Amino acid sequence: MSEWRKSSRSGSEGGDCVELARLHPEAVGVRDSKDPEGPRLALGPSVARCLADAIRAGQYDTH
């Protein structure tokens, strides 16, 4: 089983958090930390990197 890692931008109050896990060399898993048993996405490494860069840049911040 892969280890899920929470975004360092998630803060300590919970809220909107993204978790990532290396599923295998060609796939990165993405899930909502508030719903760990819920839907998950499997992305290729380059797409996952673009998503992580956009999250870091605040592109998806809602507040």
C-alpha atoms as a PDB file:
ATOM      1  CA  MET A   1       0.000   0.000   0.000  1.00  0.00           C
ATOM      2  CA  SER A   2       1.221   3.499  -0.842  1.00  0.00           C
ATOM      3  CA  GLU A   3       1.728   6.183   1.769  1.00  0.00           C
ATOM      4  CA  TRP A   4      -0.605   9.145   1.296  1.00  0.00           C
ATOM      5  CA  ARG A   5       0.972  12.550   1.961  1.00  0.00           C
ATOM      6  CA  LYS A   6      -1.062  15.642   2.805  1.00  0.00           C
ATOM      7  CA  SER A   7      -0.255  18.949   1.181  1.00  0.00           C
ATOM      8  CA  SER A   8       1.974  21.133   3.342  1.00  0.00           C
ATOM      9  CA  ARG A   9      -0.413  24.011   2.515  1.00  0.00           C
ATOM     10  CA  SER A  10      -3.299  22.261   4.269  1.00  0.00           C
ATOM     11  CA  GLY A  11      -2.623  23.865   7.654  1.00  0.00           C
ATOM     12  CA  SER A  12      -3.546  22.460  11.042  1.00  0.00           C
ATOM     13  CA  GLU A  13      -7.261  23.316  10.963  1.00  0.00           C
ATOM     14  CA  GLY A  14      -8.187  20.734   8.332  1.00  0.00           C
ATOM     15  CA  GLY A  15     -10.360  22.186   5.616  1.00  0.00           C
ATOM     16  CA  ASP A  16      -9.678  21.598   1.955  1.00  0.00           C
ATOM     17  CA  CYS A  17      -6.741  19.208   1.795  1.00  0.00           C
ATOM     18  CA  VAL A  18      -5.247  17.245  -1.049  1.00  0.00           C
ATOM     19  CA  GLU A  19      -3.267  14.049  -0.496  1.00  0.00           C
ATOM     20  CA  LEU A  20      -0.916  12.407  -2.991  1.00  0.00           C
ATOM     21  CA  ALA A  21       0.558   8.899  -3.140  1.00  0.00           C
ATOM     22  CA  ARG A  22       2.939   7.188  -5.540  1.00  0.00           C
ATOM     23  CA  LEU A  23       0.871   4.250  -6.846  1.00  0.00           C
ATOM     24  CA  HIS A  24       3.654   2.929  -9.081  1.00  0.00           C
ATOM     25  CA  PRO A  25       6.372   4.565 -11.240  1.00  0.00           C
ATOM     26  CA  GLU A  26       3.866   5.818 -13.803  1.00  0.00           C
ATOM     27  CA  ALA A  27       0.926   6.831 -11.581  1.00  0.00           C
ATOM     28  CA  VAL A  28       0.306   9.277  -8.755  1.00  0.00           C
ATOM     29  CA  GLY A  29      -2.879   8.990  -6.686  1.00  0.00           C
ATOM     30  CA  VAL A  30      -4.834  12.092  -5.641  1.00  0.00           C
ATOM     31  CA  ARG A  31      -7.605  12.148  -3.018  1.00  0.00           C
ATOM     32  CA  ASP A  32      -9.464  14.476  -0.651  1.00  0.00           C
ATOM     33  CA  SER A  33      -8.089  14.007   2.868  1.00  0.00           C
ATOM     34  CA  LYS A  34     -11.551  14.606   4.372  1.00  0.00           C
ATOM     35  CA  ASP A  35     -12.880  11.563   2.471  1.00  0.00           C
ATOM     36  CA  PRO A  36     -10.014   9.021   2.355  1.00  0.00           C
ATOM     37  CA  GLU A  37     -12.323   6.184   1.304  1.00  0.00           C
ATOM     38  CA  GLY A  38     -13.987   8.321  -1.378  1.00  0.00           C
ATOM     39  CA  PRO A  39     -13.057   8.868  -5.018  1.00  0.00           C
ATOM     40  CA  ARG A  40      -9.423   8.912  -6.060  1.00  0.00           C
ATOM     41  CA  LEU A  41      -7.710   9.975  -9.234  1.00  0.00           C
ATOM     42  CA  ALA A  42      -4.711   8.293 -10.830  1.00  0.00           C
ATOM     43  CA  LEU A  43      -2.572  10.757 -12.777  1.00  0.00           C
ATOM     44  CA  GLY A  44       0.559  10.399 -14.846  1.00  0.00           C
ATOM     45  CA  PRO A  45       3.661  11.948 -13.253  1.00  0.00           C
ATOM     46  CA  SER A  46       3.749  15.029 -15.513  1.00  0.00           C
ATOM     47  CA  VAL A  47       0.050  15.798 -14.928  1.00  0.00           C
ATOM     48  CA  ALA A  48       0.481  15.302 -11.169  1.00  0.00           C
ATOM     49  CA  ARG A  49       3.474  17.668 -11.213  1.00  0.00           C
ATOM     50  CA  CYS A  50       1.415  20.343 -13.040  1.00  0.00           C
ATOM     51  CA  LEU A  51      -1.413  19.932 -10.512  1.00  0.00           C
ATOM     52  CA  ALA A  52       0.986  20.223  -7.566  1.00  0.00           C
ATOM     53  CA  ASP A  53       2.562  23.351  -9.089  1.00  0.00           C
ATOM     54  CA  ALA A  54      -0.896  24.925  -9.569  1.00  0.00           C
ATOM     55  CA  ILE A  55      -1.876  24.096  -5.977  1.00  0.00           C
ATOM     56  CA  ARG A  56       1.377  25.624  -4.673  1.00  0.00           C
ATOM     57  CA  ALA A  57       0.722  28.765  -6.743  1.00  0.00           C
ATOM     58  CA  GLY A  58      -2.712  29.142  -5.134  1.00  0.00           C
ATOM     59  CA  GLN A  59      -4.585  28.634  -8.389  1.00  0.00           C
ATOM     60  CA  TYR A  60      -7.319  26.637  -6.644  1.00  0.00           C
ATOM     61  CA  ASP A  61      -7.526  28.634  -3.398  1.00  0.00           C
ATOM     62  CA  THR A  62     -11.133  29.462  -2.593  1.00  0.00           C
ATOM     63  CA  HIS A  63     -10.603  31.900   0.257  1.00  0.00           C
END
